[in-house]
Protein backbone atom coordinates (compact mmCIF):
# COMPACT_ATOMS: atom_id res chain seq x y z
CA MET A 1 215.34 66.87 -39.02
CA SER A 2 218.17 68.36 -37.02
CA THR A 3 218.79 71.05 -39.65
CA PRO A 4 216.95 72.15 -42.82
CA TYR A 5 219.12 69.75 -44.82
CA THR A 6 219.89 66.91 -42.34
CA ILE A 7 217.58 63.97 -41.55
CA ASP A 8 218.30 62.62 -38.07
CA SER A 9 215.86 59.69 -37.92
CA LYS A 10 215.01 56.62 -39.98
CA ARG A 11 212.70 56.99 -42.94
CA LEU A 12 209.25 55.39 -42.87
CA GLU A 13 207.49 53.88 -45.87
CA ILE A 14 203.82 54.84 -45.97
CA SER A 15 203.02 54.10 -49.62
CA ARG A 16 204.26 51.91 -52.46
CA PRO A 17 202.80 51.15 -55.93
CA THR A 18 200.16 48.44 -55.47
CA TYR A 19 197.00 49.38 -57.37
CA THR A 20 196.80 48.81 -61.12
CA TRP A 21 196.83 52.56 -61.86
CA LYS A 22 200.27 52.63 -60.22
CA THR A 23 201.69 49.46 -61.74
CA ASN A 24 200.60 49.78 -65.38
CA HIS A 25 204.09 50.90 -66.47
CA LYS A 26 207.60 50.02 -65.40
CA PRO A 27 209.38 51.15 -63.37
CA PHE A 28 206.58 51.55 -60.82
CA VAL A 29 206.29 55.13 -59.59
CA ASN A 30 205.22 56.86 -56.36
CA GLU A 31 206.67 60.38 -56.37
CA GLY A 32 206.22 64.11 -55.82
CA PRO A 33 204.51 64.08 -52.39
CA GLN A 34 202.89 67.33 -51.23
CA VAL A 35 201.19 67.79 -47.85
CA ILE A 36 198.49 70.13 -46.57
CA ALA A 37 196.40 69.92 -43.40
CA HIS A 38 192.71 70.82 -43.56
CA ASP A 39 190.33 70.64 -40.61
CA GLN A 40 191.22 67.35 -38.86
CA THR A 41 192.92 65.67 -41.82
CA ILE A 42 196.51 65.55 -43.07
CA ASN A 43 196.35 65.22 -46.87
CA LEU A 44 199.33 63.88 -48.82
CA VAL A 45 198.94 64.15 -52.59
CA PHE A 46 201.39 62.20 -54.76
CA SER A 47 201.95 61.26 -58.40
CA ALA A 48 201.86 57.73 -59.78
CA SER A 49 202.39 55.71 -62.97
CA GLY A 50 204.79 56.83 -65.70
CA SER A 51 205.19 60.58 -66.16
CA TRP A 52 206.09 59.82 -69.80
CA THR A 53 202.63 58.28 -70.42
CA ASN A 54 199.02 59.41 -70.54
CA ASP A 55 198.38 57.31 -67.41
CA TYR A 56 200.31 59.66 -65.12
CA CYS A 57 197.89 60.62 -62.36
CA MET A 58 197.60 61.79 -58.76
CA GLY A 59 196.66 59.82 -55.67
CA LEU A 60 195.88 60.70 -52.08
CA ILE A 61 196.68 59.25 -48.67
CA THR A 62 195.36 60.78 -45.46
CA ALA A 63 195.86 60.65 -41.72
CA HIS A 64 194.00 62.18 -38.77
CA ILE A 65 195.57 65.33 -37.39
CA ASN A 66 195.96 63.71 -33.95
CA SER A 67 197.47 60.47 -35.25
CA VAL A 68 201.16 59.59 -35.18
CA PRO A 69 202.46 60.29 -38.73
CA MET A 70 205.54 58.10 -38.16
CA ASN A 71 203.23 55.12 -37.70
CA SER A 72 202.41 53.60 -41.09
CA THR A 73 199.02 52.35 -39.85
CA SER A 74 197.92 55.97 -39.35
CA TRP A 75 197.67 56.49 -43.11
CA ARG A 76 194.76 55.57 -45.42
CA LYS A 77 195.20 55.34 -49.19
CA ARG A 78 192.46 56.14 -51.71
CA VAL A 79 191.65 53.17 -53.95
CA ASP A 80 191.29 55.36 -57.07
CA PRO A 81 193.31 58.36 -58.28
CA ILE A 82 191.91 61.78 -57.44
CA LEU A 83 193.06 63.25 -60.76
CA LYS A 84 193.70 61.53 -64.10
CA SER A 85 193.62 62.16 -67.86
CA GLY A 86 190.41 63.60 -69.28
CA ASN A 87 188.89 66.45 -71.32
CA ARG A 88 191.84 66.42 -73.76
CA LEU A 89 194.35 66.90 -70.93
CA PHE A 90 196.78 64.06 -70.37
CA GLY A 91 199.00 62.89 -67.55
CA PRO A 92 198.28 65.34 -64.70
CA GLY A 93 200.88 65.13 -61.95
CA HIS A 94 203.54 66.74 -59.74
CA GLY A 95 200.96 68.79 -57.89
CA SER A 96 201.59 71.65 -55.47
CA LEU A 97 199.05 72.64 -52.84
CA THR A 98 198.46 76.27 -51.85
CA ARG A 99 196.80 77.83 -48.81
CA ASN A 100 194.10 79.26 -51.09
CA ASN A 101 192.72 75.77 -51.78
CA TRP A 102 194.34 75.42 -55.18
CA LEU A 103 196.02 72.31 -56.54
CA VAL A 104 198.61 73.38 -59.13
CA PHE A 105 199.86 70.62 -61.43
CA HIS A 106 201.36 70.07 -64.86
CA THR A 107 199.70 68.19 -67.67
CA ALA A 108 200.06 67.70 -71.42
CA ILE A 109 198.00 68.39 -74.51
CA PRO A 110 198.52 66.72 -77.87
CA VAL A 111 200.92 68.82 -79.98
CA LEU A 112 201.70 67.22 -83.32
CA GLY A 113 204.98 68.17 -84.94
CA GLU A 114 208.32 66.90 -86.11
CA LEU A 115 210.18 64.87 -83.49
CA ARG A 116 213.83 65.56 -82.81
CA ASP A 117 216.24 62.69 -83.37
CA PRO A 118 216.82 61.27 -79.84
CA ASN A 119 220.35 60.20 -80.85
CA ILE A 120 221.55 63.77 -81.44
CA PRO A 121 223.40 65.10 -78.36
CA ILE A 122 222.16 68.35 -76.87
CA SER A 123 224.45 70.94 -75.30
CA LEU A 124 224.64 71.31 -71.52
CA PRO A 125 222.41 74.17 -70.27
CA GLN A 126 224.37 77.32 -69.45
CA GLY A 127 225.50 77.37 -65.83
CA ASP A 128 225.17 73.62 -65.23
CA PRO A 129 228.36 72.15 -63.74
CA LEU A 130 230.22 69.36 -65.48
CA ARG A 131 229.93 65.96 -63.84
CA GLN A 132 232.57 63.35 -63.31
CA ARG A 133 231.34 59.78 -63.80
CA TYR A 134 232.94 56.76 -62.17
CA GLN A 135 231.88 53.42 -63.57
CA LEU A 136 231.83 49.81 -62.40
CA ASN A 137 232.04 47.08 -65.01
CA SER A 138 230.46 44.60 -62.58
CA PRO A 139 229.25 44.53 -58.94
CA VAL A 140 232.02 44.17 -56.35
CA GLN A 141 232.01 43.75 -52.60
CA ASN A 142 233.73 47.02 -51.67
CA PRO A 143 233.97 49.44 -54.61
CA ILE A 144 236.74 52.04 -54.25
CA PHE A 145 237.06 55.13 -56.43
CA ASP A 146 239.93 57.63 -56.59
CA ILE A 147 238.34 61.06 -57.07
CA GLU A 148 240.51 64.01 -58.08
CA VAL A 149 239.30 67.60 -57.71
CA ASP A 150 241.00 70.90 -58.55
CA THR A 151 240.01 72.79 -55.40
CA THR A 152 239.19 71.96 -51.79
CA GLY A 153 235.49 72.44 -51.09
CA TRP A 154 232.05 70.90 -50.80
CA TYR A 155 230.83 68.49 -53.47
CA ILE A 156 227.76 66.32 -53.96
CA ILE A 157 228.18 62.61 -54.58
CA VAL A 158 225.22 61.06 -56.40
CA ILE A 159 225.01 57.27 -56.08
CA GLN A 160 222.49 55.12 -57.94
CA VAL A 161 221.55 52.12 -55.78
CA ARG A 162 219.01 49.33 -55.87
CA SER A 163 218.26 46.98 -52.98
CA LYS A 164 218.24 43.25 -53.73
CA GLU A 165 216.41 42.36 -50.52
CA HIS A 166 212.65 42.31 -51.23
CA ALA A 167 210.63 44.41 -48.76
CA LYS A 168 213.70 44.89 -46.56
CA THR A 169 215.85 47.89 -45.78
CA THR A 170 219.45 47.78 -46.97
CA THR A 171 222.14 49.71 -45.12
CA TYR A 172 225.52 50.83 -46.40
CA LEU A 173 228.37 52.93 -45.06
CA MET A 174 230.26 55.38 -47.24
CA THR A 175 233.74 56.57 -46.30
CA VAL A 176 235.90 59.25 -47.89
CA ASN A 177 239.62 59.42 -47.11
CA LYS A 178 239.14 56.79 -44.38
CA ASN A 179 236.55 58.93 -42.58
CA ASP A 180 232.99 57.63 -42.15
CA ILE A 181 230.68 60.06 -43.93
CA LYS A 182 227.21 58.59 -43.69
CA THR A 183 225.27 55.42 -42.94
CA ILE A 184 222.27 55.32 -45.28
CA ASP A 185 219.19 53.11 -45.25
CA ILE A 186 217.82 52.13 -48.67
CA PHE A 187 214.22 50.96 -48.92
CA TYR A 188 213.49 48.13 -51.33
CA SER A 189 211.90 49.28 -54.59
CA ASP A 190 211.47 48.04 -58.14
CA ASN A 191 213.68 50.84 -59.40
CA TRP A 192 217.00 52.58 -58.87
CA SER A 193 217.22 55.25 -56.17
CA SER A 194 219.40 58.36 -56.36
CA ILE A 195 221.24 59.09 -53.12
CA MET A 196 222.81 62.57 -52.87
CA ILE A 197 225.48 63.05 -50.22
CA PRO A 198 227.32 66.36 -49.57
CA VAL A 199 230.99 65.79 -48.73
CA GLU A 200 234.07 67.96 -48.32
CA LEU A 201 236.90 66.92 -50.63
CA LEU A 202 240.51 68.05 -50.56
CA LYS A 203 242.39 69.34 -53.57
CA GLY A 204 243.99 66.45 -55.41
CA LYS A 205 243.14 62.77 -55.08
CA ASN A 206 240.46 61.54 -52.67
CA THR A 207 239.44 57.94 -52.03
CA ASP A 208 235.74 57.04 -51.92
CA ASN A 209 235.03 53.64 -50.39
CA ASP A 210 231.54 52.13 -50.06
CA HIS A 211 231.62 49.45 -47.33
CA LYS A 212 228.40 47.49 -47.73
CA LYS A 213 226.89 46.02 -44.59
CA LEU A 214 224.17 44.28 -46.59
CA SER A 215 224.09 43.18 -50.21
CA PHE A 216 223.05 45.77 -52.79
CA LEU A 217 223.88 46.43 -56.41
CA LEU A 218 225.69 49.53 -57.57
CA SER A 219 224.63 50.93 -60.94
CA ASP A 220 226.87 51.48 -63.94
CA ASP A 221 228.02 54.91 -62.87
CA ILE A 222 228.51 57.24 -59.95
CA GLU A 223 228.04 60.90 -60.72
CA ARG A 224 229.68 63.73 -58.85
CA ARG A 225 229.10 67.42 -59.36
CA ILE A 226 230.41 70.45 -57.53
CA CYS A 227 228.00 72.13 -55.14
CA ASP A 228 227.87 75.75 -54.00
CA ASP A 229 228.55 75.96 -50.25
CA THR A 230 225.33 77.90 -49.68
CA THR A 231 223.30 75.06 -51.15
CA ILE A 232 224.36 72.62 -48.47
CA GLY A 233 224.80 75.06 -45.63
CA GLY A 234 228.54 75.68 -45.83
CA THR A 235 231.24 74.16 -43.65
């Protein structure tokens, strides 16, 4: 990384859902990686399966401390999860590792009660910014959106994408007001990916144009929300 918030090299895939304890629910999940080095081993703990199910669990992949972490062959994946449901605790996951040899994670216990109607809207939490949504009725070659903001400043564009090329990386270029903002590589997955891009927008109407170098499908909506300058490092 060239800065605390800027990746300056290509991403490397070192794990994908393959074992049955990762693929027993759809969409397939590999998420929440946490890393700690101990003795001569780099330990990467991650969560797998559906977090909304009792099968949510934690797996482990390791590499030797002297290996090249950007080489996928350096990593070894455990065949079985290192933590799963048991003893009346369900769905352990999203672990955090501490220097005091603790693994902190969340889990669930059965709490029986009246369920809230899922069709009743809930109010936006206090302090959360309102989001503007821009929708496509169908996939197009070069989607263009006119985005209007009240003030000049930094904003975050959230794009939901899904690669159509199996086991291949898809690349697309996003431009705002005819200026190239970012070229982004999207790894193939069996699920949608959320891409967050900080951009500076001018007061009034801005044009967002996604020029696709390779084929990919854009989801039903693009979300944009205002971002505090300090969050993305300012201008």
